[in-house]
Amino acid sequence: MIDRITPPGVVAVEAFDDTDTEPLHPEEAALVARAVEKRVREFTTARTCARRALRALGVPPAPVLTGDRGAPVWPSGVVGSLTHCAGYRAAVVARAADVRAIGIDAEPDAALPDGVLDAIALPEERAMVDRLATDTPGPHWDRLLFSAKESLYKAWFPITGIFLGFDEARIVLHPADRTFTGRVLVPGRGRDFDGRYLHDGGLTLTVVAVPH
């Protein structure tokens, strides 16, 4: 599914359950040594997707460990992103010479829990979500907004190393062509990002790819 919204040069591998996995590298296994079984399963499947994506890119598979704030650490010369939610896991990778950074997110197509929208949305974003929910059939717009911000952050952090709060990015959704734009509001570091989304099979997927 997610390859329908990723740009050229990006390799995507996805899974809808945890039945077809490869063993974790010892260094990866150490990261979830004390995790509950559910976390271990989703972690293992996401790393399996990552290894298969790296092979498809022509890069020898290597342990995908975690760095600052849990961001995946990719082999030299590679950029990528991981995501997982109920019933879905995915990895995307690209050569750093082709794509500067990429972020992906998957969410169930369901309304956000009470109070979450107020915590993650700017006033103008809440107004946009209310308007779309009234006027435009589609996914749960509040969940899509959350996912778009997650993808933007995953693309922003590897470039800058700066933590981005939900109130430091503004998303505008464009249902006509299933795209969105994001503006980072960090003083002195503001910039725009373009993203795409997909709503299918009970899932909402978002991608932000940063070109050179």
N, C-alpha and C. Protein backbone atom coordinates (compact mmCIF):
# COMPACT_ATOMS: atom_id res chain seq x y z
N MET A 1 0.81 -1.21 0.00
CA MET A 1 0.00 0.00 0.00
C MET A 1 0.85 1.27 0.00
N ILE A 2 1.83 1.32 0.89
CA ILE A 2 2.53 2.59 1.08
C ILE A 2 3.37 2.97 -0.14
N ASP A 3 3.71 1.97 -0.98
CA ASP A 3 4.48 2.32 -2.17
C ASP A 3 3.65 3.13 -3.16
N ARG A 4 2.34 3.22 -2.95
CA ARG A 4 1.49 4.04 -3.81
C ARG A 4 1.69 5.53 -3.55
N ILE A 5 2.32 5.89 -2.43
CA ILE A 5 2.49 7.31 -2.12
C ILE A 5 3.95 7.68 -1.85
N THR A 6 4.87 6.76 -2.06
CA THR A 6 6.28 7.09 -1.91
C THR A 6 6.85 7.55 -3.26
N PRO A 7 7.85 8.41 -3.26
CA PRO A 7 8.41 8.93 -4.51
C PRO A 7 9.35 7.92 -5.17
N PRO A 8 9.74 8.14 -6.42
CA PRO A 8 10.71 7.28 -7.09
C PRO A 8 12.02 7.23 -6.30
N GLY A 9 12.65 6.06 -6.34
CA GLY A 9 13.91 5.88 -5.64
C GLY A 9 13.76 5.35 -4.23
N VAL A 10 12.52 5.28 -3.73
CA VAL A 10 12.25 4.78 -2.38
C VAL A 10 11.75 3.34 -2.48
N VAL A 11 12.34 2.47 -1.67
CA VAL A 11 11.91 1.07 -1.59
C VAL A 11 11.06 0.89 -0.34
N ALA A 12 9.90 0.30 -0.50
CA ALA A 12 8.99 0.08 0.62
C ALA A 12 8.69 -1.41 0.77
N VAL A 13 8.68 -1.88 2.01
CA VAL A 13 8.27 -3.25 2.33
C VAL A 13 7.30 -3.15 3.51
N GLU A 14 6.20 -3.89 3.42
CA GLU A 14 5.18 -3.81 4.46
C GLU A 14 4.69 -5.20 4.83
N ALA A 15 4.02 -5.28 5.98
CA ALA A 15 3.45 -6.53 6.46
C ALA A 15 2.16 -6.19 7.21
N PHE A 16 1.22 -7.12 7.16
CA PHE A 16 -0.07 -6.89 7.81
C PHE A 16 -0.27 -7.78 9.02
N ASP A 17 0.73 -8.61 9.32
CA ASP A 17 0.72 -9.40 10.55
C ASP A 17 2.16 -9.75 10.88
N ASP A 18 2.35 -10.58 11.89
CA ASP A 18 3.70 -10.90 12.36
C ASP A 18 4.09 -12.35 12.11
N THR A 19 3.56 -12.92 11.02
CA THR A 19 3.77 -14.35 10.79
C THR A 19 5.01 -14.66 9.97
N ASP A 20 5.52 -13.72 9.22
CA ASP A 20 6.67 -13.97 8.33
C ASP A 20 7.81 -13.03 8.72
N THR A 21 8.65 -13.49 9.63
CA THR A 21 9.72 -12.63 10.14
C THR A 21 11.06 -13.34 10.08
N GLU A 22 12.11 -12.54 10.16
CA GLU A 22 13.47 -13.05 10.23
C GLU A 22 14.01 -12.80 11.64
N PRO A 23 14.95 -13.61 12.10
CA PRO A 23 15.49 -13.41 13.45
C PRO A 23 16.14 -12.04 13.59
N LEU A 24 15.99 -11.47 14.77
CA LEU A 24 16.65 -10.20 15.06
C LEU A 24 18.15 -10.41 15.19
N HIS A 25 18.91 -9.39 14.81
CA HIS A 25 20.33 -9.37 15.14
C HIS A 25 20.46 -9.27 16.66
N PRO A 26 21.53 -9.81 17.23
CA PRO A 26 21.69 -9.73 18.69
C PRO A 26 21.58 -8.30 19.21
N GLU A 27 22.16 -7.34 18.48
CA GLU A 27 22.08 -5.95 18.95
C GLU A 27 20.64 -5.43 18.94
N GLU A 28 19.85 -5.88 17.97
CA GLU A 28 18.44 -5.48 17.93
C GLU A 28 17.67 -6.15 19.05
N ALA A 29 17.93 -7.43 19.25
CA ALA A 29 17.23 -8.17 20.29
C ALA A 29 17.46 -7.54 21.66
N ALA A 30 18.64 -7.00 21.86
CA ALA A 30 18.94 -6.37 23.15
C ALA A 30 18.05 -5.16 23.41
N LEU A 31 17.60 -4.51 22.35
CA LEU A 31 16.76 -3.32 22.51
C LEU A 31 15.38 -3.65 23.06
N VAL A 32 14.93 -4.88 22.86
CA VAL A 32 13.59 -5.27 23.32
C VAL A 32 13.66 -6.43 24.30
N ALA A 33 14.81 -6.60 24.93
CA ALA A 33 15.00 -7.74 25.82
C ALA A 33 14.00 -7.74 26.97
N ARG A 34 13.58 -6.57 27.40
CA ARG A 34 12.65 -6.48 28.53
C ARG A 34 11.25 -6.04 28.12
N ALA A 35 11.00 -6.03 26.80
CA ALA A 35 9.71 -5.57 26.31
C ALA A 35 8.65 -6.67 26.40
N VAL A 36 7.39 -6.27 26.40
CA VAL A 36 6.30 -7.23 26.40
C VAL A 36 6.23 -7.91 25.04
N GLU A 37 5.55 -9.03 24.98
CA GLU A 37 5.53 -9.84 23.76
C GLU A 37 5.00 -9.07 22.56
N LYS A 38 3.95 -8.28 22.74
CA LYS A 38 3.38 -7.51 21.62
C LYS A 38 4.43 -6.57 21.03
N ARG A 39 5.16 -5.89 21.89
CA ARG A 39 6.20 -4.98 21.42
C ARG A 39 7.29 -5.72 20.67
N VAL A 40 7.69 -6.89 21.18
CA VAL A 40 8.73 -7.68 20.51
C VAL A 40 8.26 -8.11 19.12
N ARG A 41 7.00 -8.52 19.00
CA ARG A 41 6.48 -8.97 17.70
C ARG A 41 6.50 -7.83 16.69
N GLU A 42 5.96 -6.67 17.06
CA GLU A 42 5.90 -5.58 16.10
C GLU A 42 7.30 -5.05 15.77
N PHE A 43 8.18 -5.04 16.74
CA PHE A 43 9.56 -4.63 16.52
C PHE A 43 10.25 -5.58 15.55
N THR A 44 10.06 -6.88 15.75
CA THR A 44 10.69 -7.88 14.88
C THR A 44 10.19 -7.77 13.45
N THR A 45 8.89 -7.60 13.28
CA THR A 45 8.34 -7.49 11.93
C THR A 45 8.82 -6.22 11.25
N ALA A 46 8.86 -5.10 11.96
CA ALA A 46 9.34 -3.86 11.36
C ALA A 46 10.80 -3.99 10.95
N ARG A 47 11.63 -4.63 11.80
CA ARG A 47 13.04 -4.83 11.42
C ARG A 47 13.16 -5.80 10.25
N THR A 48 12.30 -6.79 10.17
CA THR A 48 12.30 -7.69 9.01
C THR A 48 11.99 -6.90 7.74
N CYS A 49 10.98 -6.04 7.80
CA CYS A 49 10.67 -5.18 6.65
C CYS A 49 11.88 -4.33 6.28
N ALA A 50 12.56 -3.80 7.29
CA ALA A 50 13.73 -2.95 7.02
C ALA A 50 14.83 -3.73 6.33
N ARG A 51 15.10 -4.96 6.80
CA ARG A 51 16.16 -5.76 6.20
C ARG A 51 15.83 -6.10 4.75
N ARG A 52 14.57 -6.44 4.49
CA ARG A 52 14.17 -6.78 3.13
C ARG A 52 14.21 -5.54 2.22
N ALA A 53 13.87 -4.41 2.76
CA ALA A 53 13.96 -3.18 1.97
C ALA A 53 15.40 -2.84 1.64
N LEU A 54 16.30 -3.02 2.60
CA LEU A 54 17.72 -2.76 2.34
C LEU A 54 18.26 -3.70 1.26
N ARG A 55 17.87 -4.96 1.34
CA ARG A 55 18.32 -5.91 0.31
C ARG A 55 17.81 -5.49 -1.06
N ALA A 56 16.54 -5.06 -1.12
CA ALA A 56 15.97 -4.64 -2.41
C ALA A 56 16.65 -3.38 -2.93
N LEU A 57 17.19 -2.57 -2.04
CA LEU A 57 17.93 -1.37 -2.43
C LEU A 57 19.35 -1.70 -2.86
N GLY A 58 19.77 -2.93 -2.60
CA GLY A 58 21.12 -3.33 -2.95
C GLY A 58 22.13 -3.04 -1.86
N VAL A 59 21.65 -2.89 -0.63
CA VAL A 59 22.51 -2.60 0.51
C VAL A 59 22.56 -3.83 1.41
N PRO A 60 23.75 -4.29 1.81
CA PRO A 60 23.82 -5.44 2.70
C PRO A 60 23.04 -5.18 3.98
N PRO A 61 22.16 -6.09 4.37
CA PRO A 61 21.39 -5.89 5.60
C PRO A 61 22.31 -5.73 6.80
N ALA A 62 21.93 -4.83 7.68
CA ALA A 62 22.69 -4.57 8.90
C ALA A 62 21.70 -4.32 10.02
N PRO A 63 22.14 -4.45 11.26
CA PRO A 63 21.22 -4.16 12.37
C PRO A 63 20.70 -2.73 12.26
N VAL A 64 19.40 -2.58 12.46
CA VAL A 64 18.80 -1.25 12.50
C VAL A 64 18.55 -0.93 13.97
N LEU A 65 19.47 -0.19 14.54
CA LEU A 65 19.40 0.13 15.97
C LEU A 65 18.67 1.45 16.16
N THR A 66 18.67 1.98 17.35
CA THR A 66 17.97 3.23 17.62
C THR A 66 18.95 4.26 18.16
N GLY A 67 18.72 5.50 17.74
CA GLY A 67 19.56 6.60 18.19
C GLY A 67 18.78 7.55 19.07
N ASP A 68 19.01 8.83 18.92
CA ASP A 68 18.34 9.83 19.73
C ASP A 68 16.83 9.76 19.56
N ARG A 69 16.14 9.79 20.70
CA ARG A 69 14.68 9.78 20.73
C ARG A 69 14.09 8.60 19.96
N GLY A 70 14.81 7.49 19.92
CA GLY A 70 14.29 6.27 19.33
C GLY A 70 14.31 6.22 17.82
N ALA A 71 14.93 7.21 17.17
CA ALA A 71 14.97 7.22 15.71
C ALA A 71 15.84 6.07 15.21
N PRO A 72 15.42 5.35 14.14
CA PRO A 72 16.24 4.27 13.62
C PRO A 72 17.55 4.78 13.05
N VAL A 73 18.60 3.99 13.21
CA VAL A 73 19.92 4.33 12.68
C VAL A 73 20.18 3.45 11.46
N TRP A 74 20.29 4.07 10.30
CA TRP A 74 20.42 3.33 9.05
C TRP A 74 21.89 3.21 8.65
N PRO A 75 22.21 2.24 7.79
CA PRO A 75 23.59 2.14 7.28
C PRO A 75 24.04 3.43 6.60
N SER A 76 25.32 3.63 6.55
CA SER A 76 25.87 4.82 5.91
C SER A 76 25.37 4.93 4.47
N GLY A 77 24.95 6.13 4.09
CA GLY A 77 24.49 6.35 2.73
C GLY A 77 23.03 6.01 2.50
N VAL A 78 22.30 5.68 3.58
CA VAL A 78 20.90 5.27 3.46
C VAL A 78 20.06 6.15 4.38
N VAL A 79 18.88 6.53 3.92
CA VAL A 79 17.88 7.16 4.76
C VAL A 79 16.65 6.26 4.78
N GLY A 80 15.84 6.39 5.80
CA GLY A 80 14.67 5.53 5.87
C GLY A 80 13.77 5.90 7.02
N SER A 81 12.70 5.12 7.16
CA SER A 81 11.73 5.35 8.22
C SER A 81 10.97 4.05 8.47
N LEU A 82 10.51 3.88 9.71
CA LEU A 82 9.73 2.72 10.13
C LEU A 82 8.41 3.19 10.71
N THR A 83 7.41 2.34 10.63
CA THR A 83 6.14 2.60 11.30
C THR A 83 5.45 1.29 11.62
N HIS A 84 4.61 1.32 12.63
CA HIS A 84 3.76 0.16 12.93
C HIS A 84 2.53 0.63 13.68
N CYS A 85 1.44 -0.04 13.42
CA CYS A 85 0.21 0.15 14.18
C CYS A 85 -0.53 -1.17 14.12
N ALA A 86 -1.68 -1.25 14.72
CA ALA A 86 -2.45 -2.49 14.73
C ALA A 86 -2.71 -2.96 13.30
N GLY A 87 -2.21 -4.14 12.96
CA GLY A 87 -2.46 -4.71 11.64
C GLY A 87 -1.59 -4.20 10.53
N TYR A 88 -0.52 -3.46 10.86
CA TYR A 88 0.32 -2.93 9.79
C TYR A 88 1.71 -2.61 10.32
N ARG A 89 2.74 -2.98 9.54
CA ARG A 89 4.13 -2.62 9.80
C ARG A 89 4.76 -2.30 8.46
N ALA A 90 5.68 -1.32 8.43
CA ALA A 90 6.31 -0.97 7.17
C ALA A 90 7.67 -0.33 7.40
N ALA A 91 8.52 -0.46 6.39
CA ALA A 91 9.81 0.22 6.35
C ALA A 91 10.00 0.78 4.95
N VAL A 92 10.57 1.97 4.87
CA VAL A 92 10.96 2.54 3.59
C VAL A 92 12.41 2.97 3.68
N VAL A 93 13.15 2.78 2.60
CA VAL A 93 14.56 3.18 2.55
C VAL A 93 14.86 3.77 1.18
N ALA A 94 15.89 4.60 1.15
CA ALA A 94 16.36 5.19 -0.11
C ALA A 94 17.82 5.53 0.06
N ARG A 95 18.49 5.70 -1.05
CA ARG A 95 19.88 6.16 -0.98
C ARG A 95 19.89 7.65 -0.66
N ALA A 96 20.79 8.03 0.24
CA ALA A 96 20.87 9.43 0.65
C ALA A 96 21.20 10.35 -0.51
N ALA A 97 21.81 9.81 -1.56
CA ALA A 97 22.09 10.62 -2.74
C ALA A 97 20.83 10.96 -3.52
N ASP A 98 19.77 10.18 -3.30
CA ASP A 98 18.53 10.39 -4.04
C ASP A 98 17.48 11.15 -3.24
N VAL A 99 17.43 10.89 -1.93
CA VAL A 99 16.43 11.51 -1.05
C VAL A 99 17.15 11.99 0.20
N ARG A 100 16.88 13.21 0.60
CA ARG A 100 17.58 13.75 1.77
C ARG A 100 17.07 13.13 3.07
N ALA A 101 15.74 12.95 3.17
CA ALA A 101 15.14 12.35 4.37
C ALA A 101 13.74 11.91 4.01
N ILE A 102 13.21 10.94 4.78
CA ILE A 102 11.84 10.48 4.56
C ILE A 102 11.25 10.07 5.89
N GLY A 103 9.98 10.36 6.04
CA GLY A 103 9.24 9.96 7.23
C GLY A 103 7.92 9.34 6.84
N ILE A 104 7.55 8.25 7.51
CA ILE A 104 6.27 7.60 7.24
C ILE A 104 5.55 7.35 8.56
N ASP A 105 4.23 7.25 8.47
CA ASP A 105 3.43 6.90 9.64
C ASP A 105 2.19 6.16 9.18
N ALA A 106 1.79 5.19 9.99
CA ALA A 106 0.56 4.43 9.76
C ALA A 106 -0.31 4.52 11.01
N GLU A 107 -1.59 4.71 10.80
CA GLU A 107 -2.55 4.81 11.90
C GLU A 107 -3.83 4.07 11.53
N PRO A 108 -4.53 3.52 12.51
CA PRO A 108 -5.86 3.00 12.21
C PRO A 108 -6.79 4.14 11.85
N ASP A 109 -7.67 3.92 10.92
CA ASP A 109 -8.62 4.97 10.54
C ASP A 109 -9.73 5.01 11.58
N ALA A 110 -9.44 5.69 12.66
CA ALA A 110 -10.39 5.82 13.77
C ALA A 110 -10.17 7.18 14.41
N ALA A 111 -11.19 7.69 15.06
CA ALA A 111 -11.07 8.98 15.71
C ALA A 111 -10.02 8.93 16.81
N LEU A 112 -9.33 10.03 17.01
CA LEU A 112 -8.37 10.11 18.11
C LEU A 112 -9.11 10.02 19.45
N PRO A 113 -8.46 9.48 20.47
CA PRO A 113 -9.06 9.48 21.80
C PRO A 113 -9.40 10.90 22.25
N ASP A 114 -10.35 10.99 23.14
CA ASP A 114 -10.76 12.30 23.65
C ASP A 114 -9.56 13.07 24.19
N GLY A 115 -9.48 14.32 23.82
CA GLY A 115 -8.44 15.20 24.34
C GLY A 115 -7.17 15.24 23.53
N VAL A 116 -6.95 14.25 22.66
CA VAL A 116 -5.69 14.21 21.92
C VAL A 116 -5.63 15.30 20.86
N LEU A 117 -6.73 15.53 20.17
CA LEU A 117 -6.71 16.57 19.13
C LEU A 117 -6.35 17.92 19.74
N ASP A 118 -6.93 18.25 20.87
CA ASP A 118 -6.60 19.52 21.51
C ASP A 118 -5.13 19.60 21.89
N ALA A 119 -4.52 18.45 22.19
CA ALA A 119 -3.11 18.43 22.61
C ALA A 119 -2.15 18.57 21.43
N ILE A 120 -2.57 18.14 20.24
CA ILE A 120 -1.61 18.09 19.12
C ILE A 120 -1.90 19.11 18.03
N ALA A 121 -3.04 19.78 18.08
CA ALA A 121 -3.44 20.64 16.97
C ALA A 121 -3.42 22.11 17.37
N LEU A 122 -2.99 22.94 16.44
CA LEU A 122 -3.10 24.38 16.57
C LEU A 122 -4.56 24.80 16.35
N PRO A 123 -4.95 25.97 16.80
CA PRO A 123 -6.36 26.37 16.61
C PRO A 123 -6.81 26.32 15.16
N GLU A 124 -5.97 26.77 14.23
CA GLU A 124 -6.37 26.74 12.83
C GLU A 124 -6.48 25.30 12.30
N GLU A 125 -5.68 24.39 12.86
CA GLU A 125 -5.78 22.98 12.46
C GLU A 125 -7.07 22.36 12.98
N ARG A 126 -7.45 22.70 14.21
CA ARG A 126 -8.72 22.18 14.74
C ARG A 126 -9.89 22.69 13.90
N ALA A 127 -9.83 23.95 13.50
CA ALA A 127 -10.89 24.49 12.65
C ALA A 127 -10.94 23.76 11.31
N MET A 128 -9.77 23.45 10.74
CA MET A 128 -9.71 22.72 9.47
C MET A 128 -10.31 21.33 9.62
N VAL A 129 -9.96 20.63 10.70
CA VAL A 129 -10.49 19.29 10.93
C VAL A 129 -12.01 19.33 11.09
N ASP A 130 -12.51 20.29 11.83
CA ASP A 130 -13.96 20.41 12.00
C ASP A 130 -14.64 20.66 10.66
N ARG A 131 -14.05 21.52 9.85
CA ARG A 131 -14.65 21.84 8.55
C ARG A 131 -14.64 20.61 7.63
N LEU A 132 -13.53 19.90 7.59
CA LEU A 132 -13.45 18.72 6.73
C LEU A 132 -14.41 17.63 7.21
N ALA A 133 -14.51 17.45 8.52
CA ALA A 133 -15.40 16.42 9.06
C ALA A 133 -16.85 16.70 8.68
N THR A 134 -17.19 17.97 8.54
CA THR A 134 -18.57 18.35 8.20
C THR A 134 -18.82 18.30 6.70
N ASP A 135 -17.82 18.71 5.91
CA ASP A 135 -18.06 18.95 4.49
C ASP A 135 -17.47 17.91 3.55
N THR A 136 -16.48 17.14 3.98
CA THR A 136 -15.71 16.33 3.05
C THR A 136 -15.62 14.88 3.52
N PRO A 137 -16.26 13.95 2.79
CA PRO A 137 -16.11 12.54 3.15
C PRO A 137 -14.65 12.10 3.01
N GLY A 138 -14.22 11.21 3.87
CA GLY A 138 -12.84 10.73 3.80
C GLY A 138 -12.45 10.03 5.08
N PRO A 139 -11.18 10.05 5.38
CA PRO A 139 -10.71 9.41 6.61
C PRO A 139 -11.13 10.22 7.83
N HIS A 140 -10.83 9.71 9.00
CA HIS A 140 -10.98 10.51 10.20
C HIS A 140 -9.91 11.61 10.15
N TRP A 141 -10.32 12.83 9.92
CA TRP A 141 -9.38 13.90 9.64
C TRP A 141 -8.49 14.22 10.83
N ASP A 142 -9.00 14.01 12.04
CA ASP A 142 -8.16 14.26 13.21
C ASP A 142 -6.99 13.28 13.25
N ARG A 143 -7.27 12.03 12.94
CA ARG A 143 -6.21 11.01 12.92
C ARG A 143 -5.22 11.29 11.80
N LEU A 144 -5.73 11.72 10.65
CA LEU A 144 -4.84 12.04 9.54
C LEU A 144 -3.91 13.20 9.90
N LEU A 145 -4.45 14.20 10.57
CA LEU A 145 -3.61 15.31 11.01
C LEU A 145 -2.49 14.82 11.93
N PHE A 146 -2.84 13.97 12.88
CA PHE A 146 -1.84 13.40 13.79
C PHE A 146 -0.77 12.66 13.00
N SER A 147 -1.19 11.83 12.04
CA SER A 147 -0.25 11.04 11.26
C SER A 147 0.66 11.92 10.42
N ALA A 148 0.10 12.97 9.82
CA ALA A 148 0.91 13.88 9.02
C ALA A 148 1.99 14.54 9.87
N LYS A 149 1.64 14.91 11.10
CA LYS A 149 2.65 15.52 11.98
C LYS A 149 3.73 14.51 12.36
N GLU A 150 3.35 13.26 12.55
CA GLU A 150 4.33 12.23 12.86
C GLU A 150 5.30 12.05 11.69
N SER A 151 4.78 11.98 10.47
CA SER A 151 5.66 11.81 9.31
C SER A 151 6.57 13.01 9.13
N LEU A 152 6.04 14.21 9.34
CA LEU A 152 6.85 15.40 9.21
C LEU A 152 8.00 15.36 10.22
N TYR A 153 7.68 15.00 11.47
CA TYR A 153 8.73 14.94 12.49
C TYR A 153 9.81 13.93 12.12
N LYS A 154 9.39 12.75 11.61
CA LYS A 154 10.36 11.72 11.27
C LYS A 154 11.27 12.15 10.11
N ALA A 155 10.78 13.04 9.26
CA ALA A 155 11.63 13.57 8.18
C ALA A 155 12.49 14.73 8.68
N TRP A 156 11.99 15.50 9.62
CA TRP A 156 12.69 16.69 10.12
C TRP A 156 13.84 16.33 11.05
N PHE A 157 13.61 15.39 11.96
CA PHE A 157 14.59 15.13 13.01
C PHE A 157 15.94 14.66 12.47
N PRO A 158 16.00 13.74 11.50
CA PRO A 158 17.32 13.32 11.01
C PRO A 158 18.11 14.45 10.35
N ILE A 159 17.43 15.44 9.81
CA ILE A 159 18.11 16.56 9.16
C ILE A 159 18.68 17.53 10.19
N THR A 160 17.92 17.78 11.24
CA THR A 160 18.25 18.86 12.17
C THR A 160 18.74 18.38 13.53
N GLY A 161 18.30 17.18 13.95
CA GLY A 161 18.60 16.73 15.30
C GLY A 161 17.87 17.51 16.37
N ILE A 162 16.84 18.26 15.96
CA ILE A 162 16.09 19.10 16.88
C ILE A 162 14.72 18.48 17.14
N PHE A 163 14.36 18.35 18.42
CA PHE A 163 13.03 17.86 18.77
C PHE A 163 11.98 18.85 18.30
N LEU A 164 10.88 18.32 17.75
CA LEU A 164 9.81 19.16 17.23
C LEU A 164 8.52 18.84 17.98
N GLY A 165 7.99 19.81 18.68
CA GLY A 165 6.72 19.62 19.37
C GLY A 165 5.55 19.72 18.41
N PHE A 166 4.41 19.16 18.82
CA PHE A 166 3.24 19.20 17.95
C PHE A 166 2.81 20.63 17.64
N ASP A 167 3.09 21.57 18.56
CA ASP A 167 2.70 22.96 18.33
C ASP A 167 3.72 23.73 17.51
N GLU A 168 4.77 23.05 17.07
CA GLU A 168 5.81 23.71 16.29
C GLU A 168 5.76 23.35 14.81
N ALA A 169 4.65 22.78 14.38
CA ALA A 169 4.43 22.49 12.96
C ALA A 169 2.95 22.69 12.65
N ARG A 170 2.69 23.26 11.51
CA ARG A 170 1.32 23.50 11.07
C ARG A 170 1.07 22.71 9.79
N ILE A 171 0.02 21.91 9.79
CA ILE A 171 -0.35 21.06 8.64
C ILE A 171 -1.58 21.63 7.96
N VAL A 172 -1.56 21.62 6.64
CA VAL A 172 -2.75 21.94 5.84
C VAL A 172 -3.03 20.73 4.94
N LEU A 173 -4.20 20.15 5.09
CA LEU A 173 -4.60 18.97 4.32
C LEU A 173 -5.28 19.40 3.03
N HIS A 174 -4.98 18.67 1.93
CA HIS A 174 -5.54 18.98 0.61
C HIS A 174 -6.26 17.74 0.07
N PRO A 175 -7.52 17.55 0.43
CA PRO A 175 -8.24 16.32 0.04
C PRO A 175 -8.36 16.14 -1.47
N ALA A 176 -8.35 17.22 -2.24
CA ALA A 176 -8.57 17.10 -3.69
C ALA A 176 -7.55 16.18 -4.34
N ASP A 177 -6.30 16.23 -3.86
CA ASP A 177 -5.27 15.36 -4.45
C ASP A 177 -4.56 14.51 -3.41
N ARG A 178 -5.16 14.42 -2.23
CA ARG A 178 -4.61 13.59 -1.15
C ARG A 178 -3.16 13.93 -0.82
N THR A 179 -2.93 15.22 -0.69
CA THR A 179 -1.61 15.70 -0.28
C THR A 179 -1.77 16.57 0.96
N PHE A 180 -0.66 16.95 1.54
CA PHE A 180 -0.69 17.94 2.61
C PHE A 180 0.61 18.72 2.58
N THR A 181 0.57 19.89 3.15
CA THR A 181 1.77 20.69 3.32
C THR A 181 1.98 20.92 4.81
N GLY A 182 3.24 20.98 5.20
CA GLY A 182 3.57 21.22 6.58
C GLY A 182 4.59 22.34 6.69
N ARG A 183 4.39 23.22 7.64
CA ARG A 183 5.36 24.30 7.88
C ARG A 183 5.89 24.16 9.29
N VAL A 184 7.20 24.05 9.41
CA VAL A 184 7.86 24.04 10.71
C VAL A 184 7.92 25.48 11.21
N LEU A 185 7.53 25.67 12.47
CA LEU A 185 7.40 27.01 13.03
C LEU A 185 8.53 27.35 14.00
N VAL A 186 9.58 26.54 14.03
CA VAL A 186 10.70 26.81 14.92
C VAL A 186 11.39 28.11 14.49
N PRO A 187 11.54 29.07 15.38
CA PRO A 187 12.16 30.34 14.99
C PRO A 187 13.54 30.13 14.38
N GLY A 188 13.75 30.73 13.24
CA GLY A 188 15.03 30.62 12.56
C GLY A 188 15.23 29.34 11.78
N ARG A 189 14.31 28.38 11.92
CA ARG A 189 14.46 27.10 11.21
C ARG A 189 13.21 26.76 10.41
N GLY A 190 12.33 27.74 10.23
CA GLY A 190 11.09 27.47 9.53
C GLY A 190 11.32 27.03 8.10
N ARG A 191 10.56 26.06 7.67
CA ARG A 191 10.61 25.61 6.29
C ARG A 191 9.36 24.81 5.99
N ASP A 192 9.11 24.59 4.71
CA ASP A 192 7.91 23.88 4.28
C ASP A 192 8.26 22.46 3.86
N PHE A 193 7.33 21.56 4.07
CA PHE A 193 7.44 20.17 3.65
C PHE A 193 6.18 19.79 2.88
N ASP A 194 6.36 18.89 1.92
CA ASP A 194 5.22 18.35 1.17
C ASP A 194 5.03 16.89 1.54
N GLY A 195 3.77 16.47 1.64
CA GLY A 195 3.48 15.09 1.99
C GLY A 195 2.30 14.55 1.20
N ARG A 196 2.15 13.25 1.26
CA ARG A 196 1.03 12.58 0.61
C ARG A 196 0.39 11.63 1.62
N TYR A 197 -0.89 11.35 1.41
CA TYR A 197 -1.56 10.40 2.30
C TYR A 197 -2.40 9.41 1.51
N LEU A 198 -2.69 8.31 2.15
CA LEU A 198 -3.50 7.24 1.58
C LEU A 198 -4.45 6.76 2.66
N HIS A 199 -5.70 6.59 2.27
CA HIS A 199 -6.74 6.10 3.18
C HIS A 199 -7.36 4.88 2.52
N ASP A 200 -7.08 3.69 3.08
CA ASP A 200 -7.54 2.46 2.43
C ASP A 200 -7.48 1.32 3.45
N GLY A 201 -8.42 0.40 3.34
CA GLY A 201 -8.37 -0.81 4.14
C GLY A 201 -8.37 -0.58 5.64
N GLY A 202 -9.04 0.48 6.09
CA GLY A 202 -9.08 0.75 7.51
C GLY A 202 -7.82 1.37 8.06
N LEU A 203 -6.93 1.82 7.18
CA LEU A 203 -5.67 2.43 7.60
C LEU A 203 -5.53 3.82 6.98
N THR A 204 -4.79 4.67 7.67
CA THR A 204 -4.38 5.95 7.14
C THR A 204 -2.85 5.97 7.13
N LEU A 205 -2.25 6.19 5.97
CA LEU A 205 -0.80 6.21 5.81
C LEU A 205 -0.38 7.60 5.32
N THR A 206 0.74 8.08 5.84
CA THR A 206 1.27 9.38 5.40
C THR A 206 2.77 9.24 5.13
N VAL A 207 3.24 10.07 4.20
CA VAL A 207 4.65 10.09 3.81
C VAL A 207 5.09 11.54 3.63
N VAL A 208 6.24 11.87 4.17
CA VAL A 208 6.92 13.13 3.87
C VAL A 208 8.32 12.78 3.37
N ALA A 209 8.62 13.11 2.12
CA ALA A 209 9.94 12.89 1.54
C ALA A 209 10.56 14.23 1.25
N VAL A 210 11.82 14.39 1.66
CA VAL A 210 12.53 15.65 1.51
C VAL A 210 13.54 15.50 0.38
N PRO A 211 13.36 16.22 -0.73
CA PRO A 211 14.33 16.13 -1.82
C PRO A 211 15.58 16.95 -1.51
N HIS A 212 16.63 16.73 -2.27
CA HIS A 212 17.81 17.56 -2.12
C HIS A 212 17.56 18.93 -2.73
